[in-house]
Amino acid sequence: MSDARWQAIFDVEPDAVLIVASDGTLREINPAGLALLEAERPEAVIGTAVYAYVAPDRREVFRAFTERSCLGHKGSLELEMVGLKGTVRKLVWHAAPLRNETEGHASLLAIAKDVTALREKEVDLRESRKMVAVGELAGGFAHDFNNLLNGIMGSLWMAAIKLGPDHPAAPLIAAAGQTGRRAAELTRQLLSLGRRAREEARPVALHSIAEEVIGQLRRTLDPRIEVIVQADPDLWAVQAHPGQVREALWNLCVNACDAMSQGGRLTVELRNVAAKTGEEKTEECVRLTISDTGAGIDPESLPRIFEPFFTSRTGGERFGLGLTVVQTIVNRLAGTIRVESEPGRGSRFVIEVPRRVEDQTASEPAPPAPVAVQGKGEVILVVDDEEILRAIARAALEQAGYVVLEAGDGADAMEVYQRERERIAAVVTDVKMPGQSGLELLADLRKLDSNVRVVLCSGSLAAGDRVDIAQIGAKAFLPKPYSALDLTRTVHRILDPQ
């Protein structure tokens, strides 16, 4: 090949092309290589040792690679290189020997391809796959756990009905029910993390949630840790899901306390602020700041703290999902989160969430009202493989004025429906059951009657799956654990849409 052709190819090649002497001295470099090394002209790097630009922990590996290549061994190697301005890039090197016939010694022709962006995408893909695995694991876990919660909460409701509101145990039963609802919220958060579902939000007062979380935390807190809570007296409301806010605040406070193994101070601040949303725009926000005087976060770990499964702890104390959950929740609130930390000087997490202008007096929802009589003797078929859940559904529906038939699986339900088809006004079925699933049961029921009214119940389907359920003919979706009031209202709605 003529020198002119070689020079043309050398100049236009988009990857870095380098000629390296056997001792590692850089002899020639093309424009792409100059950009890679952040050099403005060839004189800045020609004659320097190429090893100087290689990450220190990989220099000996690269030196052995160049020596083998000069001896005639073709190969490739991936490593990091640092430019003159400090930029770190991941490169894949391909090399082949060049022999100078006049001088009689070999040099190296190397082509370096920048794969930094590619490797980042691969990392993102791996993390995405991890989150898919989390979603699948959460689905199986949530179904069983929500069934248990449904049984516990339903049993508490039935006990409360039998004992009456004036019984001395009534407040304890009410408190246990509230705890069960919070457990259900945490389970739904795990589902929404894995499946990207969106929980329904409502106006929320953050200061009441902060006081509740701090109150719970103090029960098990190291006495050497001082807790300070500061809030504006007229704090604005935000549009949020209370359970998600509670989970985010709990994770941040627990992390802060874990960082203060020798004691310290945890400060939680809630302020009304005007935050910048653009070059000239500002937006009214509620700023939540959690700061500690603990060990701090090292510079290498700081960029990774929101990665799934990342943890700086040893011994398996944490799985590394806590801050991922926090970031996911903040994103859903259309908010921002930033971290300030230095080793030995503590950490400061700052969250800003847009103000809910329409409602400035938000509070936690009131406890569910007693079940009212709504039915007119309509027959409801309840299908669930859990006997306790069928018993709870029966009690709630019968108290509301309905007649209840039961089935323990899909095959039993089909038999009952075919026998009592003229009487049955609606079917309430679990989705995940041994043998025939609730979705398969729905399809079979629709073959018998395309207008059949079916309510699908599930503890493992996320809110984002409800559209698909509606498309296959279900009249309503009821997430587990559901209350007696949820069940009766849903049945009444599909029987009497007016």
Protein backbone atom coordinates (compact mmCIF):
# COMPACT_ATOMS: atom_id res chain seq x y z
CA MET A 1 0.00 0.00 0.00
CA SER A 2 1.35 3.44 -0.88
CA ASP A 3 2.25 5.90 1.83
CA ALA A 4 -0.54 8.22 0.65
CA ARG A 5 -3.20 5.54 1.00
CA TRP A 6 -1.86 4.52 4.39
CA GLN A 7 -1.91 8.12 5.59
CA ALA A 8 -5.49 8.59 4.36
CA ILE A 9 -6.69 5.51 6.21
CA PHE A 10 -4.65 6.49 9.26
CA ASP A 11 -6.24 9.93 9.40
CA VAL A 12 -9.91 8.98 8.87
CA GLU A 13 -10.06 5.82 11.02
CA PRO A 14 -12.66 6.57 13.75
CA ASP A 15 -10.87 4.40 16.32
CA ALA A 16 -7.51 5.30 17.83
CA VAL A 17 -4.53 3.98 15.82
CA LEU A 18 -1.11 3.97 17.49
CA ILE A 19 2.35 2.84 16.47
CA VAL A 20 4.21 1.77 19.60
CA ALA A 21 7.89 0.81 19.85
CA SER A 22 8.88 -2.42 21.59
CA ASP A 23 9.86 -0.46 24.69
CA GLY A 24 6.42 1.16 24.87
CA THR A 25 7.33 4.52 23.34
CA LEU A 26 4.54 6.08 21.28
CA ARG A 27 5.81 6.66 17.69
CA GLU A 28 2.71 7.72 15.78
CA ILE A 29 -0.93 8.44 16.58
CA ASN A 30 -3.95 9.37 14.46
CA PRO A 31 -6.46 12.21 15.18
CA ALA A 32 -8.88 9.82 16.91
CA GLY A 33 -6.04 8.74 19.19
CA LEU A 34 -5.18 12.33 20.03
CA ALA A 35 -8.81 12.93 21.04
CA LEU A 36 -8.72 9.77 23.15
CA LEU A 37 -5.62 10.94 25.02
CA GLU A 38 -7.01 14.49 25.20
CA ALA A 39 -3.99 15.91 23.39
CA GLU A 40 -4.30 18.96 21.12
CA ARG A 41 -1.31 18.10 18.91
CA PRO A 42 0.88 15.01 18.27
CA GLU A 43 3.94 16.60 19.88
CA ALA A 44 2.20 16.46 23.26
CA VAL A 45 2.27 12.65 23.34
CA ILE A 46 4.74 11.40 20.68
CA GLY A 47 7.84 10.08 22.41
CA THR A 48 6.09 9.42 25.71
CA ALA A 49 5.56 5.96 27.19
CA VAL A 50 2.09 4.65 26.33
CA TYR A 51 2.07 2.81 29.66
CA ALA A 52 1.74 6.19 31.43
CA TYR A 53 -1.83 6.52 30.13
CA VAL A 54 -2.90 3.07 31.32
CA ALA A 55 -4.64 2.67 34.69
CA PRO A 56 -1.89 1.80 37.24
CA ASP A 57 -3.34 -1.58 38.20
CA ARG A 58 -3.28 -2.71 34.56
CA ARG A 59 0.13 -1.41 33.41
CA GLU A 60 2.02 -4.66 33.89
CA VAL A 61 -0.72 -6.58 32.09
CA PHE A 62 -0.57 -4.10 29.21
CA ARG A 63 3.23 -4.26 29.11
CA ALA A 64 3.12 -8.06 28.78
CA PHE A 65 0.44 -7.70 26.08
CA THR A 66 2.60 -5.33 23.98
CA GLU A 67 5.68 -7.51 24.35
CA ARG A 68 3.79 -10.61 23.17
CA SER A 69 2.30 -8.67 20.28
CA CYS A 70 5.73 -7.43 19.16
CA LEU A 71 6.90 -11.05 19.07
CA GLY A 72 4.14 -11.96 16.64
CA HIS A 73 1.21 -12.92 18.88
CA LYS A 74 -2.05 -11.30 17.81
CA GLY A 75 -4.61 -10.65 20.48
CA SER A 76 -6.88 -8.20 22.26
CA LEU A 77 -7.07 -6.70 25.73
CA GLU A 78 -9.59 -4.50 27.59
CA LEU A 79 -8.40 -1.93 30.08
CA GLU A 80 -8.89 1.63 31.27
CA MET A 81 -6.83 4.58 30.05
CA VAL A 82 -6.61 8.07 31.49
CA GLY A 83 -6.31 11.10 29.20
CA LEU A 84 -4.19 14.17 29.81
CA LYS A 85 -7.22 15.94 31.30
CA GLY A 86 -8.07 13.04 33.60
CA THR A 87 -10.93 11.43 31.67
CA VAL A 88 -11.09 7.67 32.20
CA ARG A 89 -12.20 5.49 29.30
CA LYS A 90 -12.59 1.77 28.82
CA LEU A 91 -10.76 0.58 25.70
CA VAL A 92 -10.46 -2.67 23.80
CA TRP A 93 -7.01 -2.99 22.22
CA HIS A 94 -6.24 -5.05 19.14
CA ALA A 95 -2.57 -5.33 18.22
CA ALA A 96 -0.29 -6.85 15.60
CA PRO A 97 3.48 -6.66 15.10
CA LEU A 98 5.17 -4.36 12.56
CA ARG A 99 8.74 -5.20 11.52
CA ASN A 100 11.08 -2.52 10.30
CA GLU A 101 13.24 -4.22 7.64
CA THR A 102 15.88 -1.45 7.72
CA GLU A 103 16.36 -1.23 11.46
CA GLY A 104 15.57 -4.89 12.08
CA HIS A 105 13.37 -4.45 15.15
CA ALA A 106 9.66 -4.88 15.71
CA SER A 107 7.09 -2.32 16.76
CA LEU A 108 3.39 -2.56 17.41
CA LEU A 109 0.35 -1.51 15.40
CA ALA A 110 -2.49 -1.03 17.88
CA ILE A 111 -6.11 -0.09 17.35
CA ALA A 112 -7.97 1.04 20.49
CA LYS A 113 -11.77 1.12 20.48
CA ASP A 114 -13.62 3.19 23.10
CA VAL A 115 -16.22 0.88 24.69
CA THR A 116 -17.05 3.07 27.69
CA ALA A 117 -20.64 3.76 26.62
CA LEU A 118 -21.15 0.11 25.62
CA ARG A 119 -20.01 -1.16 29.00
CA GLU A 120 -22.28 1.33 30.79
CA LYS A 121 -25.23 0.05 28.77
CA GLU A 122 -24.28 -3.52 29.63
CA VAL A 123 -24.22 -2.61 33.32
CA ASP A 124 -27.64 -0.98 32.98
CA LEU A 125 -28.95 -4.10 31.25
CA ARG A 126 -27.63 -6.35 34.02
CA GLU A 127 -29.20 -4.15 36.67
CA SER A 128 -32.45 -4.13 34.71
CA ARG A 129 -32.42 -7.92 34.64
CA LYS A 130 -31.84 -7.95 38.37
CA MET A 131 -34.90 -5.78 38.84
CA VAL A 132 -36.92 -8.14 36.64
CA ALA A 133 -35.81 -10.96 38.94
CA VAL A 134 -36.87 -8.85 41.92
CA GLY A 135 -40.29 -8.38 40.32
CA GLU A 136 -40.72 -12.10 39.74
CA LEU A 137 -39.61 -12.90 43.28
CA ALA A 138 -41.87 -10.19 44.67
CA GLY A 139 -44.87 -11.56 42.80
CA GLY A 140 -44.59 -15.00 44.37
CA PHE A 141 -43.81 -13.59 47.79
CA ALA A 142 -46.61 -11.03 47.71
CA HIS A 143 -49.30 -13.57 46.81
CA ASP A 144 -48.59 -15.77 49.84
CA PHE A 145 -47.93 -12.88 52.21
CA ASN A 146 -51.04 -10.94 51.16
CA ASN A 147 -53.15 -14.06 51.61
CA LEU A 148 -51.83 -14.30 55.17
CA LEU A 149 -52.51 -10.62 55.76
CA ASN A 150 -56.00 -10.98 54.32
CA GLY A 151 -56.69 -13.83 56.75
CA ILE A 152 -55.28 -11.91 59.72
CA MET A 153 -57.05 -8.64 58.95
CA GLY A 154 -60.32 -10.39 58.10
CA SER A 155 -60.21 -12.35 61.35
CA LEU A 156 -59.59 -9.13 63.27
CA TRP A 157 -62.59 -7.56 61.56
CA MET A 158 -64.82 -10.50 62.46
CA ALA A 159 -63.56 -10.40 66.07
CA ALA A 160 -64.29 -6.67 66.24
CA ILE A 161 -67.84 -7.25 64.98
CA LYS A 162 -68.49 -9.94 67.60
CA LEU A 163 -66.97 -7.99 70.47
CA GLY A 164 -68.49 -4.63 69.57
CA PRO A 165 -66.97 -1.14 69.73
CA ASP A 166 -67.30 -0.86 73.53
CA HIS A 167 -65.25 -3.95 74.35
CA PRO A 168 -61.92 -3.22 76.12
CA ALA A 169 -60.02 -5.10 73.37
CA ALA A 170 -61.52 -3.00 70.55
CA PRO A 171 -58.66 -0.43 70.48
CA LEU A 172 -56.07 -3.23 70.35
CA ILE A 173 -57.90 -4.90 67.45
CA ALA A 174 -58.10 -1.57 65.60
CA ALA A 175 -54.35 -1.00 66.10
CA ALA A 176 -53.56 -4.50 64.83
CA GLY A 177 -55.68 -3.86 61.75
CA GLN A 178 -53.86 -0.59 61.06
CA THR A 179 -50.52 -2.42 61.34
CA GLY A 180 -51.77 -5.01 58.87
CA ARG A 181 -52.68 -2.27 56.38
CA ARG A 182 -49.19 -0.83 56.64
CA ALA A 183 -47.69 -4.26 56.03
CA ALA A 184 -49.86 -4.51 52.91
CA GLU A 185 -48.53 -1.14 51.74
CA LEU A 186 -44.94 -2.35 52.11
CA THR A 187 -45.74 -5.45 50.07
CA ARG A 188 -47.28 -3.34 47.32
CA GLN A 189 -44.14 -1.18 47.29
CA LEU A 190 -42.02 -4.26 46.66
CA LEU A 191 -44.32 -5.18 43.80
CA SER A 192 -44.24 -1.69 42.34
CA LEU A 193 -40.42 -1.60 42.58
CA GLY A 194 -40.05 -4.74 40.51
CA ARG A 195 -42.90 -4.09 38.07
CA ARG A 196 -42.79 -0.29 37.83
CA ALA A 197 -46.42 -0.01 38.88
CA ARG A 198 -47.75 3.33 40.11
CA GLU A 199 -49.61 3.52 43.39
CA GLU A 200 -52.56 5.89 43.68
CA ALA A 201 -51.44 9.05 45.46
CA ARG A 202 -53.34 11.48 47.66
CA PRO A 203 -52.56 14.66 49.61
CA VAL A 204 -50.21 13.77 52.47
CA ALA A 205 -48.83 15.73 55.41
CA LEU A 206 -45.19 14.68 55.69
CA HIS A 207 -44.68 15.90 59.26
CA SER A 208 -47.15 13.37 60.69
CA ILE A 209 -45.40 10.53 58.85
CA ALA A 210 -42.00 11.76 60.03
CA GLU A 211 -43.17 11.86 63.64
CA GLU A 212 -44.54 8.32 63.34
CA VAL A 213 -41.35 6.92 61.81
CA ILE A 214 -39.11 8.64 64.34
CA GLY A 215 -41.34 7.40 67.15
CA GLN A 216 -40.95 3.82 65.93
CA LEU A 217 -37.21 4.25 65.42
CA ARG A 218 -36.64 5.56 68.95
CA ARG A 219 -37.88 2.28 70.44
CA THR A 220 -34.82 0.40 69.19
CA LEU A 221 -32.36 3.26 68.78
CA ASP A 222 -28.90 3.27 70.33
CA PRO A 223 -29.21 5.65 73.31
CA ARG A 224 -25.99 7.33 72.20
CA ILE A 225 -27.77 8.67 69.11
CA GLU A 226 -29.60 11.97 69.53
CA VAL A 227 -32.60 12.55 67.23
CA ILE A 228 -33.72 16.05 66.27
CA VAL A 229 -36.90 16.69 64.24
CA GLN A 230 -37.57 20.17 62.90
CA ALA A 231 -40.59 21.11 60.77
CA ASP A 232 -42.25 24.30 59.59
CA PRO A 233 -45.51 24.74 61.54
CA ASP A 234 -47.49 25.38 58.35
CA LEU A 235 -45.82 22.66 56.27
CA TRP A 236 -47.40 22.21 52.84
CA ALA A 237 -48.97 18.94 51.75
CA VAL A 238 -47.60 16.83 48.87
CA GLN A 239 -49.25 14.37 46.52
CA ALA A 240 -47.94 10.98 47.61
CA HIS A 241 -48.71 7.51 48.86
CA PRO A 242 -48.27 7.49 52.67
CA GLY A 243 -46.79 3.99 52.74
CA GLN A 244 -44.15 4.89 50.17
CA VAL A 245 -43.14 8.05 52.03
CA ARG A 246 -42.96 6.07 55.26
CA GLU A 247 -40.74 3.44 53.61
CA ALA A 248 -38.38 6.04 52.09
CA LEU A 249 -37.99 7.94 55.37
CA TRP A 250 -37.49 4.73 57.33
CA ASN A 251 -34.73 3.51 54.98
CA LEU A 252 -32.89 6.83 55.13
CA CYS A 253 -33.10 7.06 58.93
CA VAL A 254 -31.99 3.45 59.45
CA ASN A 255 -29.03 3.97 57.10
CA ALA A 256 -28.09 7.12 59.00
CA CYS A 257 -28.23 5.33 62.36
CA ASP A 258 -26.20 2.41 61.01
CA ALA A 259 -23.49 4.90 60.02
CA MET A 260 -23.19 6.12 63.64
CA SER A 261 -21.94 2.99 65.38
CA GLN A 262 -20.29 5.11 68.09
CA GLY A 263 -23.27 7.42 68.56
CA GLY A 264 -24.02 10.79 67.04
CA ARG A 265 -26.88 13.02 65.93
CA LEU A 266 -29.67 12.28 63.43
CA THR A 267 -31.49 15.37 62.18
CA VAL A 268 -34.74 15.29 60.19
CA GLU A 269 -35.87 18.63 58.76
CA LEU A 270 -39.07 19.47 56.87
CA ARG A 271 -39.19 22.90 55.24
CA ASN A 272 -41.27 24.83 52.74
CA VAL A 273 -38.94 26.05 49.97
CA ALA A 274 -38.97 27.59 46.51
CA ALA A 275 -36.81 25.19 44.49
CA LYS A 276 -35.36 25.91 41.06
CA THR A 277 -36.82 23.77 38.27
CA GLY A 278 -35.11 25.48 35.34
CA GLU A 279 -32.92 28.43 34.44
CA GLU A 280 -35.52 31.00 35.54
CA LYS A 281 -38.41 28.96 36.98
CA THR A 282 -39.03 28.08 40.61
CA GLU A 283 -41.54 25.72 42.15
CA GLU A 284 -42.92 25.53 45.67
CA CYS A 285 -41.65 22.31 47.26
CA VAL A 286 -41.40 20.54 50.56
CA ARG A 287 -37.76 19.80 51.38
CA LEU A 288 -37.01 16.74 53.50
CA THR A 289 -33.44 16.61 54.81
CA ILE A 290 -31.97 13.65 56.69
CA SER A 291 -28.46 14.27 58.01
CA ASP A 292 -26.17 12.37 60.33
CA THR A 293 -22.78 12.77 61.97
CA GLY A 294 -21.62 9.27 61.06
CA ALA A 295 -18.79 7.75 59.07
CA GLY A 296 -19.77 9.31 55.76
CA ILE A 297 -19.50 7.80 52.29
CA ASP A 298 -16.21 7.41 50.42
CA PRO A 299 -15.91 9.05 46.97
CA GLU A 300 -15.75 5.67 45.19
CA SER A 301 -19.05 4.49 46.69
CA LEU A 302 -20.97 7.76 46.47
CA PRO A 303 -21.88 7.49 42.76
CA ARG A 304 -23.13 3.92 43.28
CA ILE A 305 -25.30 4.20 46.39
CA PHE A 306 -28.59 4.10 44.43
CA GLU A 307 -27.60 1.01 42.43
CA PRO A 308 -29.69 -2.13 43.07
CA PHE A 309 -27.93 -4.60 45.37
CA PHE A 310 -24.99 -2.26 46.04
CA THR A 311 -23.90 -2.08 49.66
CA SER A 312 -20.75 -0.87 51.37
CA ARG A 313 -21.43 -3.12 54.37
CA THR A 314 -19.80 -6.47 54.92
CA GLY A 315 -21.21 -9.60 56.47
CA GLY A 316 -24.52 -9.54 54.65
CA GLU A 317 -26.34 -7.13 56.99
CA ARG A 318 -28.11 -5.43 54.07
CA PHE A 319 -29.17 -6.52 50.59
CA GLY A 320 -28.60 -3.11 49.01
CA LEU A 321 -32.18 -2.31 47.91
CA GLY A 322 -32.96 0.38 50.50
CA LEU A 323 -31.71 3.43 48.62
CA THR A 324 -32.96 2.03 45.30
CA VAL A 325 -36.44 1.99 46.83
CA VAL A 326 -35.95 5.57 48.06
CA GLN A 327 -34.92 6.81 44.63
CA THR A 328 -37.81 4.98 42.95
CA ILE A 329 -40.30 6.55 45.36
CA VAL A 330 -38.86 10.05 44.93
CA ASN A 331 -39.05 9.71 41.14
CA ARG A 332 -42.72 8.74 41.39
CA LEU A 333 -43.38 11.86 43.43
CA ALA A 334 -41.84 13.98 40.63
CA GLY A 335 -39.21 14.97 43.16
CA THR A 336 -35.44 15.14 43.30
CA ILE A 337 -32.87 13.62 45.65
CA ARG A 338 -29.25 14.57 46.16
CA VAL A 339 -26.54 13.38 48.50
CA GLU A 340 -23.73 15.26 50.20
CA SER A 341 -21.15 13.26 52.11
CA GLU A 342 -17.49 13.07 53.05
CA PRO A 343 -15.67 10.32 54.95
CA GLY A 344 -15.66 11.15 58.64
CA ARG A 345 -18.04 14.09 58.26
CA GLY A 346 -21.42 12.39 57.97
CA SER A 347 -24.02 12.35 55.19
CA ARG A 348 -26.88 14.58 54.13
CA PHE A 349 -29.76 13.40 51.93
CA VAL A 350 -31.96 16.18 50.54
CA ILE A 351 -35.33 15.36 48.94
CA GLU A 352 -37.54 18.01 47.35
CA VAL A 353 -41.15 17.15 46.42
CA PRO A 354 -43.59 19.55 44.68
CA ARG A 355 -46.23 21.09 46.90
CA ARG A 356 -49.82 19.90 46.59
CA VAL A 357 -51.54 23.28 46.13
CA GLU A 358 -55.14 22.04 46.04
CA ASP A 359 -55.13 20.60 49.55
CA GLN A 360 -52.94 22.00 52.31
CA THR A 361 -54.57 20.13 55.20
CA ALA A 362 -53.95 16.52 54.21
CA SER A 363 -53.98 13.81 56.81
CA GLU A 364 -54.04 10.06 57.13
CA PRO A 365 -57.32 8.44 56.01
CA ALA A 366 -59.92 7.63 58.65
CA PRO A 367 -60.43 3.97 59.66
CA PRO A 368 -62.87 2.06 57.42
CA ALA A 369 -66.53 2.47 58.24
CA PRO A 370 -68.63 -0.57 59.23
CA VAL A 371 -70.05 -2.63 56.39
CA ALA A 372 -73.49 -1.32 55.40
CA VAL A 373 -76.30 -3.48 54.04
CA GLN A 374 -76.24 -3.05 50.26
CA GLY A 375 -77.34 -6.39 48.88
CA LYS A 376 -80.87 -7.54 48.08
CA GLY A 377 -80.29 -11.25 48.47
CA GLU A 378 -78.18 -11.65 45.30
CA VAL A 379 -76.10 -14.84 45.16
CA ILE A 380 -72.32 -14.37 45.05
CA LEU A 381 -69.94 -17.25 44.27
CA VAL A 382 -66.65 -16.88 46.19
CA VAL A 383 -63.71 -18.90 44.81
CA ASP A 384 -60.47 -19.18 46.81
CA ASP A 385 -58.22 -22.08 47.79
CA GLU A 386 -57.75 -20.57 51.28
CA GLU A 387 -60.61 -21.61 53.56
CA ILE A 388 -60.10 -18.70 55.96
CA LEU A 389 -60.40 -16.20 53.11
CA ARG A 390 -63.64 -17.79 51.91
CA ALA A 391 -64.99 -17.60 55.47
CA ILE A 392 -64.07 -13.92 55.76
CA ALA A 393 -65.60 -13.09 52.38
CA ARG A 394 -68.76 -14.99 53.31
CA ALA A 395 -69.10 -13.10 56.61
CA ALA A 396 -68.64 -9.70 54.96
CA LEU A 397 -71.01 -10.39 52.07
CA GLU A 398 -73.72 -11.98 54.22
CA GLN A 399 -73.60 -9.05 56.64
CA ALA A 400 -74.11 -6.76 53.63
CA GLY A 401 -77.22 -8.64 52.55
CA TYR A 402 -75.88 -11.12 49.97
CA VAL A 403 -76.20 -14.90 49.76
CA VAL A 404 -72.85 -16.69 49.37
CA LEU A 405 -71.80 -19.91 47.64
CA GLU A 406 -68.23 -21.20 47.99
CA ALA A 407 -65.73 -23.07 45.80
CA GLY A 408 -62.17 -24.12 46.69
CA ASP A 409 -60.73 -24.24 43.15
CA GLY A 410 -61.56 -23.60 39.51
CA ALA A 411 -63.03 -27.03 38.79
CA ASP A 412 -65.31 -26.83 41.83
CA ALA A 413 -66.34 -23.30 40.80
CA MET A 414 -67.30 -24.42 37.29
CA GLU A 415 -69.42 -27.21 38.75
CA VAL A 416 -71.21 -24.82 41.14
CA TYR A 417 -71.72 -22.21 38.42
CA GLN A 418 -73.19 -24.69 35.95
CA ARG A 419 -75.56 -25.97 38.63
CA GLU A 420 -76.56 -22.54 40.02
CA ARG A 421 -76.05 -20.41 36.93
CA GLU A 422 -79.53 -18.86 37.02
CA ARG A 423 -79.08 -17.76 40.63
CA ILE A 424 -75.50 -16.50 40.64
CA ALA A 425 -75.25 -12.73 40.18
CA ALA A 426 -71.46 -12.40 40.42
CA VAL A 427 -68.27 -14.40 40.97
CA VAL A 428 -65.40 -13.26 43.22
CA THR A 429 -62.30 -15.34 42.49
CA ASP A 430 -58.66 -15.41 43.47
CA VAL A 431 -56.26 -15.26 40.51
CA LYS A 432 -53.49 -17.57 41.70
CA MET A 433 -54.86 -20.98 42.70
CA PRO A 434 -53.59 -24.56 42.38
CA GLY A 435 -54.72 -26.17 39.13
CA GLN A 436 -56.93 -23.79 37.18
CA SER A 437 -56.08 -20.14 37.76
CA GLY A 438 -58.63 -17.39 38.22
CA LEU A 439 -57.85 -16.06 34.75
CA GLU A 440 -58.52 -19.47 33.21
CA LEU A 441 -61.71 -19.74 35.24
CA LEU A 442 -62.80 -16.35 33.91
CA ALA A 443 -62.24 -17.52 30.33
CA ASP A 444 -64.30 -20.69 30.91
CA LEU A 445 -67.11 -18.76 32.61
CA ARG A 446 -67.29 -16.34 29.68
CA LYS A 447 -67.77 -19.29 27.32
CA LEU A 448 -70.90 -20.15 29.28
CA ASP A 449 -72.03 -16.55 29.69
CA SER A 450 -70.24 -13.64 28.00
CA ASN A 451 -71.94 -11.21 30.40
CA VAL A 452 -70.84 -12.96 33.60
CA ARG A 453 -69.77 -10.51 36.32
CA VAL A 454 -66.39 -11.51 37.72
CA VAL A 455 -64.23 -9.77 40.34
CA LEU A 456 -60.59 -10.87 40.22
CA CYS A 457 -58.64 -10.76 43.49
CA SER A 458 -54.86 -11.02 43.75
CA GLY A 459 -52.04 -10.33 46.14
CA SER A 460 -49.36 -10.56 43.44
CA LEU A 461 -50.70 -8.51 40.54
CA ALA A 462 -49.46 -4.93 40.56
CA ALA A 463 -51.65 -1.93 39.83
CA GLY A 464 -50.22 -1.64 36.32
CA ASP A 465 -51.66 -5.06 35.42
CA ARG A 466 -55.27 -3.98 35.89
CA VAL A 467 -55.69 -2.76 32.31
CA ASP A 468 -54.92 -6.23 30.99
CA ILE A 469 -57.41 -7.75 33.42
CA ALA A 470 -60.16 -5.43 32.20
CA GLN A 471 -59.40 -6.36 28.60
CA ILE A 472 -60.10 -10.04 29.25
CA GLY A 473 -63.56 -9.39 30.59
CA ALA A 474 -63.34 -8.97 34.36
CA LYS A 475 -65.68 -6.37 35.84
CA ALA A 476 -63.36 -5.32 38.65
CA PHE A 477 -59.99 -5.98 40.27
CA LEU A 478 -59.61 -6.19 44.05
CA PRO A 479 -56.04 -6.26 45.40
CA LYS A 480 -55.31 -8.38 48.44
CA PRO A 481 -55.42 -7.87 51.31
CA TYR A 482 -58.84 -6.26 50.98
CA SER A 483 -61.14 -5.12 53.75
CA ALA A 484 -64.75 -6.19 54.20
CA LEU A 485 -65.81 -2.74 53.04
CA ASP A 486 -63.62 -2.99 49.91
CA LEU A 487 -65.22 -6.32 49.01
CA THR A 488 -68.82 -5.31 49.55
CA ARG A 489 -68.41 -1.97 47.76
CA THR A 490 -66.81 -3.69 44.77
CA VAL A 491 -69.60 -6.27 44.52
CA HIS A 492 -72.27 -3.58 44.90
CA ARG A 493 -70.62 -1.47 42.18
CA ILE A 494 -70.59 -4.21 39.55
CA LEU A 495 -74.17 -5.28 40.37
CA ASP A 496 -75.54 -1.76 40.47
CA PRO A 497 -73.33 0.54 38.35
CA GLN A 498 -75.73 3.43 38.96
